[in-house]
Amino acid sequence: MNNAIRALSSDKRRQVLEWLRNPEAHFPPQRDGDLVADGVCVVFIADKLGVSQPTATEHMKVLHKAGLVIPTRNKTWTFYRRDEDGIARARDAVLGALS
């Protein structure tokens, strides 16, 4: 639960999770990989966030460690998609802690 709270403490990471909810609406088509099935390339995430690729990668690592996204390697790039089961578990843990 602490990893999820840390991950969600960042406006940028919460924004990425929102964009990944409907990646076709928020990101351009990719040359390699399907936006929905494979996820969004970290390069596109960095561009949309207005940060460097290493900074975006760090944000995505925090989300992955919290179990909120699933990374997929494609050639030299990493693609990310939401982990809906992980998001549900994090939500239930936080709500349970507040009960």
PDB file of N, CA and C in Angstrom:
ATOM      1  N   MET A   1       0.821  -1.192   0.000  1.00  0.00           N
ATOM      2  CA  MET A   1       0.000   0.000   0.000  1.00  0.00           C
ATOM      3  C   MET A   1       0.867   1.258   0.000  1.00  0.00           C
ATOM      4  N   ASN A   2       1.994   1.239   0.735  1.00  0.00           N
ATOM      5  CA  ASN A   2       2.851   2.417   0.781  1.00  0.00           C
ATOM      6  C   ASN A   2       3.391   2.780  -0.592  1.00  0.00           C
ATOM      7  N   ASN A   3       3.729   1.759  -1.409  1.00  0.00           N
ATOM      8  CA  ASN A   3       4.212   2.040  -2.762  1.00  0.00           C
ATOM      9  C   ASN A   3       3.127   2.712  -3.597  1.00  0.00           C
ATOM     10  N   ALA A   4       1.892   2.273  -3.434  1.00  0.00           N
ATOM     11  CA  ALA A   4       0.787   2.869  -4.188  1.00  0.00           C
ATOM     12  C   ALA A   4       0.561   4.318  -3.759  1.00  0.00           C
ATOM     13  N   ILE A   5       0.603   4.564  -2.468  1.00  0.00           N
ATOM     14  CA  ILE A   5       0.409   5.936  -1.980  1.00  0.00           C
ATOM     15  C   ILE A   5       1.525   6.831  -2.495  1.00  0.00           C
ATOM     16  N   ARG A   6       2.752   6.339  -2.439  1.00  0.00           N
ATOM     17  CA  ARG A   6       3.886   7.121  -2.965  1.00  0.00           C
ATOM     18  C   ARG A   6       3.694   7.386  -4.457  1.00  0.00           C
ATOM     19  N   ALA A   7       3.316   6.348  -5.196  1.00  0.00           N
ATOM     20  CA  ALA A   7       3.144   6.500  -6.642  1.00  0.00           C
ATOM     21  C   ALA A   7       2.066   7.520  -6.964  1.00  0.00           C
ATOM     22  N   LEU A   8       0.994   7.495  -6.218  1.00  0.00           N
ATOM     23  CA  LEU A   8      -0.135   8.386  -6.500  1.00  0.00           C
ATOM     24  C   LEU A   8       0.021   9.771  -5.900  1.00  0.00           C
ATOM     25  N   SER A   9       1.115  10.001  -5.180  1.00  0.00           N
ATOM     26  CA  SER A   9       1.346  11.328  -4.599  1.00  0.00           C
ATOM     27  C   SER A   9       1.804  12.345  -5.647  1.00  0.00           C
ATOM     28  N   SER A  10       2.138  11.870  -6.827  1.00  0.00           N
ATOM     29  CA  SER A  10       2.611  12.752  -7.900  1.00  0.00           C
ATOM     30  C   SER A  10       1.498  13.061  -8.890  1.00  0.00           C
ATOM     31  N   ASP A  11       1.275  14.344  -9.132  1.00  0.00           N
ATOM     32  CA  ASP A  11       0.284  14.748 -10.144  1.00  0.00           C
ATOM     33  C   ASP A  11       0.631  14.157 -11.501  1.00  0.00           C
ATOM     34  N   LYS A  12       1.907  14.128 -11.833  1.00  0.00           N
ATOM     35  CA  LYS A  12       2.326  13.605 -13.138  1.00  0.00           C
ATOM     36  C   LYS A  12       2.004  12.122 -13.272  1.00  0.00           C
ATOM     37  N   ARG A  13       2.257  11.347 -12.232  1.00  0.00           N
ATOM     38  CA  ARG A  13       1.966   9.922 -12.305  1.00  0.00           C
ATOM     39  C   ARG A  13       0.467   9.666 -12.358  1.00  0.00           C
ATOM     40  N   ARG A  14      -0.306  10.432 -11.617  1.00  0.00           N
ATOM     41  CA  ARG A  14      -1.771  10.283 -11.704  1.00  0.00           C
ATOM     42  C   ARG A  14      -2.251  10.646 -13.103  1.00  0.00           C
ATOM     43  N   GLN A  15      -1.646  11.660 -13.711  1.00  0.00           N
ATOM     44  CA  GLN A  15      -2.022  12.054 -15.067  1.00  0.00           C
ATOM     45  C   GLN A  15      -1.711  10.946 -16.064  1.00  0.00           C
ATOM     46  N   VAL A  16      -0.539  10.322 -15.932  1.00  0.00           N
ATOM     47  CA  VAL A  16      -0.179   9.225 -16.832  1.00  0.00           C
ATOM     48  C   VAL A  16      -1.189   8.088 -16.707  1.00  0.00           C
ATOM     49  N   LEU A  17      -1.565   7.733 -15.489  1.00  0.00           N
ATOM     50  CA  LEU A  17      -2.561   6.670 -15.310  1.00  0.00           C
ATOM     51  C   LEU A  17      -3.876   7.032 -15.990  1.00  0.00           C
ATOM     52  N   GLU A  18      -4.256   8.281 -15.911  1.00  0.00           N
ATOM     53  CA  GLU A  18      -5.486   8.721 -16.583  1.00  0.00           C
ATOM     54  C   GLU A  18      -5.340   8.603 -18.093  1.00  0.00           C
ATOM     55  N   TRP A  19      -4.225   9.056 -18.649  1.00  0.00           N
ATOM     56  CA  TRP A  19      -4.008   8.940 -20.099  1.00  0.00           C
ATOM     57  C   TRP A  19      -4.011   7.485 -20.540  1.00  0.00           C
ATOM     58  N   LEU A  20      -3.396   6.609 -19.736  1.00  0.00           N
ATOM     59  CA  LEU A  20      -3.313   5.198 -20.114  1.00  0.00           C
ATOM     60  C   LEU A  20      -4.663   4.495 -20.037  1.00  0.00           C
ATOM     61  N   ARG A  21      -5.634   5.118 -19.408  1.00  0.00           N
ATOM     62  CA  ARG A  21      -6.988   4.548 -19.366  1.00  0.00           C
ATOM     63  C   ARG A  21      -7.550   4.447 -20.790  1.00  0.00           C
ATOM     64  N   ASN A  22      -7.209   5.424 -21.629  1.00  0.00           N
ATOM     65  CA  ASN A  22      -7.656   5.434 -23.025  1.00  0.00           C
ATOM     66  C   ASN A  22      -6.495   5.939 -23.889  1.00  0.00           C
ATOM     67  N   PRO A  23      -5.495   5.091 -24.114  1.00  0.00           N
ATOM     68  CA  PRO A  23      -4.277   5.559 -24.793  1.00  0.00           C
ATOM     69  C   PRO A  23      -4.502   6.040 -26.216  1.00  0.00           C
ATOM     70  N   GLU A  24      -5.467   5.478 -26.924  1.00  0.00           N
ATOM     71  CA  GLU A  24      -5.709   5.907 -28.307  1.00  0.00           C
ATOM     72  C   GLU A  24      -6.213   7.341 -28.381  1.00  0.00           C
ATOM     73  N   ALA A  25      -6.840   7.816 -27.321  1.00  0.00           N
ATOM     74  CA  ALA A  25      -7.334   9.194 -27.285  1.00  0.00           C
ATOM     75  C   ALA A  25      -6.245  10.190 -26.911  1.00  0.00           C
ATOM     76  N   HIS A  26      -5.168   9.702 -26.295  1.00  0.00           N
ATOM     77  CA  HIS A  26      -4.166  10.618 -25.747  1.00  0.00           C
ATOM     78  C   HIS A  26      -2.783  10.537 -26.384  1.00  0.00           C
ATOM     79  N   PHE A  27      -2.529   9.492 -27.180  1.00  0.00           N
ATOM     80  CA  PHE A  27      -1.208   9.315 -27.774  1.00  0.00           C
ATOM     81  C   PHE A  27      -1.320   9.030 -29.262  1.00  0.00           C
ATOM     82  N   PRO A  28      -0.318   9.434 -30.045  1.00  0.00           N
ATOM     83  CA  PRO A  28      -0.341   9.162 -31.491  1.00  0.00           C
ATOM     84  C   PRO A  28      -0.069   7.679 -31.756  1.00  0.00           C
ATOM     85  N   PRO A  29      -0.428   7.215 -32.939  1.00  0.00           N
ATOM     86  CA  PRO A  29      -0.111   5.824 -33.288  1.00  0.00           C
ATOM     87  C   PRO A  29       1.401   5.597 -33.209  1.00  0.00           C
ATOM     88  N   GLN A  30       1.769   4.375 -32.836  1.00  0.00           N
ATOM     89  CA  GLN A  30       3.177   4.018 -32.703  1.00  0.00           C
ATOM     90  C   GLN A  30       3.610   3.167 -33.884  1.00  0.00           C
ATOM     91  N   ARG A  31       4.871   3.287 -34.254  1.00  0.00           N
ATOM     92  CA  ARG A  31       5.413   2.457 -35.323  1.00  0.00           C
ATOM     93  C   ARG A  31       5.520   1.011 -34.861  1.00  0.00           C
ATOM     94  N   ASP A  32       5.986   0.828 -33.632  1.00  0.00           N
ATOM     95  CA  ASP A  32       6.134  -0.513 -33.052  1.00  0.00           C
ATOM     96  C   ASP A  32       5.184  -0.645 -31.872  1.00  0.00           C
ATOM     97  N   GLY A  33       4.389  -1.674 -31.866  1.00  0.00           N
ATOM     98  CA  GLY A  33       3.529  -1.934 -30.723  1.00  0.00           C
ATOM     99  C   GLY A  33       2.182  -1.261 -30.803  1.00  0.00           C
ATOM    100  N   ASP A  34       1.181  -1.979 -30.334  1.00  0.00           N
ATOM    101  CA  ASP A  34      -0.194  -1.482 -30.284  1.00  0.00           C
ATOM    102  C   ASP A  34      -0.391  -0.695 -28.989  1.00  0.00           C
ATOM    103  N   LEU A  35      -0.998   0.485 -29.085  1.00  0.00           N
ATOM    104  CA  LEU A  35      -1.192   1.341 -27.919  1.00  0.00           C
ATOM    105  C   LEU A  35      -1.959   0.640 -26.805  1.00  0.00           C
ATOM    106  N   VAL A  36      -2.941  -0.169 -27.164  1.00  0.00           N
ATOM    107  CA  VAL A  36      -3.772  -0.824 -26.150  1.00  0.00           C
ATOM    108  C   VAL A  36      -3.145  -2.137 -25.692  1.00  0.00           C
ATOM    109  N   ALA A  37      -2.830  -3.006 -26.627  1.00  0.00           N
ATOM    110  CA  ALA A  37      -2.328  -4.341 -26.278  1.00  0.00           C
ATOM    111  C   ALA A  37      -0.926  -4.308 -25.672  1.00  0.00           C
ATOM    112  N   ASP A  38      -0.039  -3.500 -26.248  1.00  0.00           N
ATOM    113  CA  ASP A  38       1.355  -3.455 -25.801  1.00  0.00           C
ATOM    114  C   ASP A  38       1.633  -2.332 -24.824  1.00  0.00           C
ATOM    115  N   GLY A  39       0.863  -1.278 -24.890  1.00  0.00           N
ATOM    116  CA  GLY A  39       1.080  -0.113 -24.053  1.00  0.00           C
ATOM    117  C   GLY A  39       1.700   1.026 -24.844  1.00  0.00           C
ATOM    118  N   VAL A  40       1.994   2.093 -24.138  1.00  0.00           N
ATOM    119  CA  VAL A  40       2.509   3.323 -24.742  1.00  0.00           C
ATOM    120  C   VAL A  40       4.013   3.398 -24.494  1.00  0.00           C
ATOM    121  N   CYS A  41       4.754   3.728 -25.535  1.00  0.00           N
ATOM    122  CA  CYS A  41       6.203   3.872 -25.433  1.00  0.00           C
ATOM    123  C   CYS A  41       6.538   5.017 -24.486  1.00  0.00           C
ATOM    124  N   VAL A  42       7.546   4.805 -23.667  1.00  0.00           N
ATOM    125  CA  VAL A  42       7.954   5.816 -22.700  1.00  0.00           C
ATOM    126  C   VAL A  42       8.333   7.130 -23.381  1.00  0.00           C
ATOM    127  N   VAL A  43       8.765   7.081 -24.631  1.00  0.00           N
ATOM    128  CA  VAL A  43       9.112   8.308 -25.355  1.00  0.00           C
ATOM    129  C   VAL A  43       7.877   9.197 -25.517  1.00  0.00           C
ATOM    130  N   PHE A  44       6.732   8.582 -25.842  1.00  0.00           N
ATOM    131  CA  PHE A  44       5.492   9.348 -25.992  1.00  0.00           C
ATOM    132  C   PHE A  44       5.014   9.882 -24.646  1.00  0.00           C
ATOM    133  N   ILE A  45       5.186   9.079 -23.598  1.00  0.00           N
ATOM    134  CA  ILE A  45       4.788   9.521 -22.260  1.00  0.00           C
ATOM    135  C   ILE A  45       5.635  10.721 -21.845  1.00  0.00           C
ATOM    136  N   ALA A  46       6.941  10.651 -22.071  1.00  0.00           N
ATOM    137  CA  ALA A  46       7.836  11.770 -21.724  1.00  0.00           C
ATOM    138  C   ALA A  46       7.438  13.024 -22.474  1.00  0.00           C
ATOM    139  N   ASP A  47       7.173  12.877 -23.765  1.00  0.00           N
ATOM    140  CA  ASP A  47       6.808  14.029 -24.582  1.00  0.00           C
ATOM    141  C   ASP A  47       5.526  14.682 -24.071  1.00  0.00           C
ATOM    142  N   LYS A  48       4.517  13.870 -23.782  1.00  0.00           N
ATOM    143  CA  LYS A  48       3.237  14.414 -23.333  1.00  0.00           C
ATOM    144  C   LYS A  48       3.352  15.051 -21.944  1.00  0.00           C
ATOM    145  N   LEU A  49       4.197  14.468 -21.084  1.00  0.00           N
ATOM    146  CA  LEU A  49       4.414  15.054 -19.755  1.00  0.00           C
ATOM    147  C   LEU A  49       5.271  16.316 -19.805  1.00  0.00           C
ATOM    148  N   GLY A  50       6.040  16.464 -20.888  1.00  0.00           N
ATOM    149  CA  GLY A  50       6.945  17.608 -20.980  1.00  0.00           C
ATOM    150  C   GLY A  50       8.188  17.428 -20.130  1.00  0.00           C
ATOM    151  N   VAL A  51       8.634  16.168 -20.010  1.00  0.00           N
ATOM    152  CA  VAL A  51       9.830  15.862 -19.220  1.00  0.00           C
ATOM    153  C   VAL A  51      10.797  15.061 -20.080  1.00  0.00           C
ATOM    154  N   SER A  52      12.012  14.885 -19.582  1.00  0.00           N
ATOM    155  CA  SER A  52      12.991  14.079 -20.307  1.00  0.00           C
ATOM    156  C   SER A  52      12.591  12.601 -20.226  1.00  0.00           C
ATOM    157  N   GLN A  53      13.151  11.814 -21.141  1.00  0.00           N
ATOM    158  CA  GLN A  53      12.865  10.381 -21.128  1.00  0.00           C
ATOM    159  C   GLN A  53      13.317   9.725 -19.817  1.00  0.00           C
ATOM    160  N   PRO A  54      14.518  10.039 -19.294  1.00  0.00           N
ATOM    161  CA  PRO A  54      14.905   9.434 -18.012  1.00  0.00           C
ATOM    162  C   PRO A  54      13.943   9.781 -16.866  1.00  0.00           C
ATOM    163  N   THR A  55      13.434  11.002 -16.863  1.00  0.00           N
ATOM    164  CA  THR A  55      12.472  11.395 -15.820  1.00  0.00           C
ATOM    165  C   THR A  55      11.182  10.605 -15.969  1.00  0.00           C
ATOM    166  N   ALA A  56      10.694  10.474 -17.195  1.00  0.00           N
ATOM    167  CA  ALA A  56       9.478   9.682 -17.428  1.00  0.00           C
ATOM    168  C   ALA A  56       9.704   8.233 -17.032  1.00  0.00           C
ATOM    169  N   THR A  57      10.881   7.704 -17.344  1.00  0.00           N
ATOM    170  CA  THR A  57      11.200   6.325 -16.974  1.00  0.00           C
ATOM    171  C   THR A  57      11.150   6.150 -15.466  1.00  0.00           C
ATOM    172  N   GLU A  58      11.669   7.107 -14.725  1.00  0.00           N
ATOM    173  CA  GLU A  58      11.625   7.023 -13.256  1.00  0.00           C
ATOM    174  C   GLU A  58      10.184   7.042 -12.748  1.00  0.00           C
ATOM    175  N   HIS A  59       9.355   7.917 -13.315  1.00  0.00           N
ATOM    176  CA  HIS A  59       7.930   7.948 -12.933  1.00  0.00           C
ATOM    177  C   HIS A  59       7.288   6.583 -13.195  1.00  0.00           C
ATOM    178  N   MET A  60       7.597   6.004 -14.352  1.00  0.00           N
ATOM    179  CA  MET A  60       6.988   4.726 -14.711  1.00  0.00           C
ATOM    180  C   MET A  60       7.501   3.595 -13.829  1.00  0.00           C
ATOM    181  N   LYS A  61       8.760   3.658 -13.410  1.00  0.00           N
ATOM    182  CA  LYS A  61       9.299   2.643 -12.499  1.00  0.00           C
ATOM    183  C   LYS A  61       8.575   2.685 -11.159  1.00  0.00           C
ATOM    184  N   VAL A  62       8.266   3.888 -10.686  1.00  0.00           N
ATOM    185  CA  VAL A  62       7.528   4.026  -9.426  1.00  0.00           C
ATOM    186  C   VAL A  62       6.130   3.421  -9.576  1.00  0.00           C
ATOM    187  N   LEU A  63       5.471   3.707 -10.695  1.00  0.00           N
ATOM    188  CA  LEU A  63       4.145   3.133 -10.945  1.00  0.00           C
ATOM    189  C   LEU A  63       4.209   1.614 -11.052  1.00  0.00           C
ATOM    190  N   HIS A  64       5.256   1.112 -11.695  1.00  0.00           N
ATOM    191  CA  HIS A  64       5.405  -0.340 -11.827  1.00  0.00           C
ATOM    192  C   HIS A  64       5.660  -0.986 -10.469  1.00  0.00           C
ATOM    193  N   LYS A  65       6.535  -0.409  -9.675  1.00  0.00           N
ATOM    194  CA  LYS A  65       6.843  -0.950  -8.344  1.00  0.00           C
ATOM    195  C   LYS A  65       5.584  -0.999  -7.479  1.00  0.00           C
ATOM    196  N   ALA A  66       4.692  -0.056  -7.693  1.00  0.00           N
ATOM    197  CA  ALA A  66       3.427  -0.009  -6.946  1.00  0.00           C
ATOM    198  C   ALA A  66       2.395  -0.977  -7.511  1.00  0.00           C
ATOM    199  N   GLY A  67       2.716  -1.616  -8.643  1.00  0.00           N
ATOM    200  CA  GLY A  67       1.785  -2.568  -9.244  1.00  0.00           C
ATOM    201  C   GLY A  67       0.663  -1.925 -10.032  1.00  0.00           C
ATOM    202  N   LEU A  68       0.887  -0.692 -10.502  1.00  0.00           N
ATOM    203  CA  LEU A  68      -0.173   0.044 -11.188  1.00  0.00           C
ATOM    204  C   LEU A  68      -0.037   0.020 -12.709  1.00  0.00           C
ATOM    205  N   VAL A  69       1.133  -0.320 -13.217  1.00  0.00           N
ATOM    206  CA  VAL A  69       1.337  -0.440 -14.664  1.00  0.00           C
ATOM    207  C   VAL A  69       2.129  -1.702 -14.966  1.00  0.00           C
ATOM    208  N   ILE A  70       2.010  -2.151 -16.203  1.00  0.00           N
ATOM    209  CA  ILE A  70       2.729  -3.327 -16.676  1.00  0.00           C
ATOM    210  C   ILE A  70       3.681  -2.886 -17.781  1.00  0.00           C
ATOM    211  N   PRO A  71       4.985  -3.105 -17.595  1.00  0.00           N
ATOM    212  CA  PRO A  71       5.950  -2.767 -18.648  1.00  0.00           C
ATOM    213  C   PRO A  71       6.108  -3.927 -19.627  1.00  0.00           C
ATOM    214  N   THR A  72       6.328  -3.599 -20.898  1.00  0.00           N
ATOM    215  CA  THR A  72       6.615  -4.589 -21.929  1.00  0.00           C
ATOM    216  C   THR A  72       7.785  -4.067 -22.742  1.00  0.00           C
ATOM    217  N   ARG A  73       8.836  -4.873 -22.869  1.00  0.00           N
ATOM    218  CA  ARG A  73       9.986  -4.484 -23.691  1.00  0.00           C
ATOM    219  C   ARG A  73       9.674  -4.788 -25.153  1.00  0.00           C
ATOM    220  N   ASN A  74       9.995  -3.837 -26.018  1.00  0.00           N
ATOM    221  CA  ASN A  74       9.831  -3.990 -27.462  1.00  0.00           C
ATOM    222  C   ASN A  74      11.065  -3.365 -28.100  1.00  0.00           C
ATOM    223  N   LYS A  75      11.932  -4.216 -28.615  1.00  0.00           N
ATOM    224  CA  LYS A  75      13.221  -3.772 -29.145  1.00  0.00           C
ATOM    225  C   LYS A  75      13.987  -3.083 -28.024  1.00  0.00           C
ATOM    226  N   THR A  76      14.339  -1.818 -28.199  1.00  0.00           N
ATOM    227  CA  THR A  76      15.102  -1.116 -27.159  1.00  0.00           C
ATOM    228  C   THR A  76      14.217  -0.246 -26.271  1.00  0.00           C
ATOM    229  N   TRP A  77      12.916  -0.273 -26.482  1.00  0.00           N
ATOM    230  CA  TRP A  77      12.011   0.614 -25.760  1.00  0.00           C
ATOM    231  C   TRP A  77      11.158  -0.167 -24.778  1.00  0.00           C
ATOM    232  N   THR A  78      10.638   0.554 -23.795  1.00  0.00           N
ATOM    233  CA  THR A  78       9.686  -0.038 -22.859  1.00  0.00           C
ATOM    234  C   THR A  78       8.341   0.633 -23.058  1.00  0.00           C
ATOM    235  N   PHE A  79       7.315  -0.196 -23.146  1.00  0.00           N
ATOM    236  CA  PHE A  79       5.941   0.255 -23.323  1.00  0.00           C
ATOM    237  C   PHE A  79       5.187  -0.032 -22.029  1.00  0.00           C
ATOM    238  N   TYR A  80       4.247   0.839 -21.688  1.00  0.00           N
ATOM    239  CA  TYR A  80       3.513   0.705 -20.435  1.00  0.00           C
ATOM    240  C   TYR A  80       2.011   0.738 -20.683  1.00  0.00           C
ATOM    241  N   ARG A  81       1.328  -0.146 -19.933  1.00  0.00           N
ATOM    242  CA  ARG A  81      -0.138  -0.125 -19.930  1.00  0.00           C
ATOM    243  C   ARG A  81      -0.594  -0.279 -18.486  1.00  0.00           C
ATOM    244  N   ARG A  82      -1.808   0.135 -18.226  1.00  0.00           N
ATOM    245  CA  ARG A  82      -2.353   0.044 -16.871  1.00  0.00           C
ATOM    246  C   ARG A  82      -2.492  -1.409 -16.442  1.00  0.00           C
ATOM    247  N   ASP A  83      -2.273  -1.661 -15.169  1.00  0.00           N
ATOM    248  CA  ASP A  83      -2.558  -2.964 -14.572  1.00  0.00           C
ATOM    249  C   ASP A  83      -3.848  -2.799 -13.781  1.00  0.00           C
ATOM    250  N   GLU A  84      -4.963  -3.110 -14.430  1.00  0.00           N
ATOM    251  CA  GLU A  84      -6.269  -2.867 -13.806  1.00  0.00           C
ATOM    252  C   GLU A  84      -6.447  -3.671 -12.523  1.00  0.00           C
ATOM    253  N   ASP A  85      -5.926  -4.900 -12.489  1.00  0.00           N
ATOM    254  CA  ASP A  85      -6.015  -5.696 -11.256  1.00  0.00           C
ATOM    255  C   ASP A  85      -5.196  -5.055 -10.147  1.00  0.00           C
ATOM    256  N   GLY A  86      -4.008  -4.584 -10.477  1.00  0.00           N
ATOM    257  CA  GLY A  86      -3.160  -3.916  -9.494  1.00  0.00           C
ATOM    258  C   GLY A  86      -3.785  -2.633  -8.989  1.00  0.00           C
ATOM    259  N   ILE A  87      -4.413  -1.890  -9.884  1.00  0.00           N
ATOM    260  CA  ILE A  87      -5.089  -0.653  -9.489  1.00  0.00           C
ATOM    261  C   ILE A  87      -6.241  -0.966  -8.542  1.00  0.00           C
ATOM    262  N   ALA A  88      -6.998  -2.017  -8.839  1.00  0.00           N
ATOM    263  CA  ALA A  88      -8.110  -2.414  -7.970  1.00  0.00           C
ATOM    264  C   ALA A  88      -7.596  -2.846  -6.590  1.00  0.00           C
ATOM    265  N   ARG A  89      -6.488  -3.609  -6.552  1.00  0.00           N
ATOM    266  CA  ARG A  89      -5.921  -4.028  -5.274  1.00  0.00           C
ATOM    267  C   ARG A  89      -5.456  -2.821  -4.457  1.00  0.00           C
ATOM    268  N   ALA A  90      -4.805  -1.862  -5.120  1.00  0.00           N
ATOM    269  CA  ALA A  90      -4.334  -0.659  -4.420  1.00  0.00           C
ATOM    270  C   ALA A  90      -5.517   0.148  -3.878  1.00  0.00           C
ATOM    271  N   ARG A  91      -6.549   0.290  -4.699  1.00  0.00           N
ATOM    272  CA  ARG A  91      -7.747   1.020  -4.272  1.00  0.00           C
ATOM    273  C   ARG A  91      -8.372   0.343  -3.048  1.00  0.00           C
ATOM    274  N   ASP A  92      -8.509  -0.997  -3.098  1.00  0.00           N
ATOM    275  CA  ASP A  92      -9.110  -1.724  -1.984  1.00  0.00           C
ATOM    276  C   ASP A  92      -8.255  -1.614  -0.735  1.00  0.00           C
ATOM    277  N   ALA A  93      -6.938  -1.655  -0.860  1.00  0.00           N
ATOM    278  CA  ALA A  93      -6.048  -1.539   0.296  1.00  0.00           C
ATOM    279  C   ALA A  93      -6.168  -0.171   0.946  1.00  0.00           C
ATOM    280  N   VAL A  94      -6.209   0.862   0.128  1.00  0.00           N
ATOM    281  CA  VAL A  94      -6.328   2.229   0.676  1.00  0.00           C
ATOM    282  C   VAL A  94      -7.680   2.401   1.349  1.00  0.00           C
ATOM    283  N   LEU A  95      -8.738   1.955   0.682  1.00  0.00           N
ATOM    284  CA  LEU A  95     -10.076   2.091   1.282  1.00  0.00           C
ATOM    285  C   LEU A  95     -10.194   1.255   2.557  1.00  0.00           C
ATOM    286  N   GLY A  96      -9.581   0.067   2.568  1.00  0.00           N
ATOM    287  CA  GLY A  96      -9.602  -0.752   3.753  1.00  0.00           C
ATOM    288  C   GLY A  96      -8.875  -0.114   4.924  1.00  0.00           C
ATOM    289  N   ALA A  97      -7.789   0.572   4.621  1.00  0.00           N
ATOM    290  CA  ALA A  97      -7.025   1.242   5.674  1.00  0.00           C
ATOM    291  C   ALA A  97      -7.798   2.428   6.258  1.00  0.00           C
ATOM    292  N   LEU A  98      -8.690   2.992   5.465  1.00  0.00           N
ATOM    293  CA  LEU A  98      -9.471   4.152   5.931  1.00  0.00           C
ATOM    294  C   LEU A  98     -10.728   3.738   6.686  1.00  0.00           C
ATOM    295  N   SER A  99     -11.070   2.468   6.624  1.00  0.00           N
ATOM    296  CA  SER A  99     -12.298   1.987   7.289  1.00  0.00           C
ATOM    297  C   SER A  99     -12.108   1.800   8.773  1.00  0.00           C
TER     298      SER A  99
END
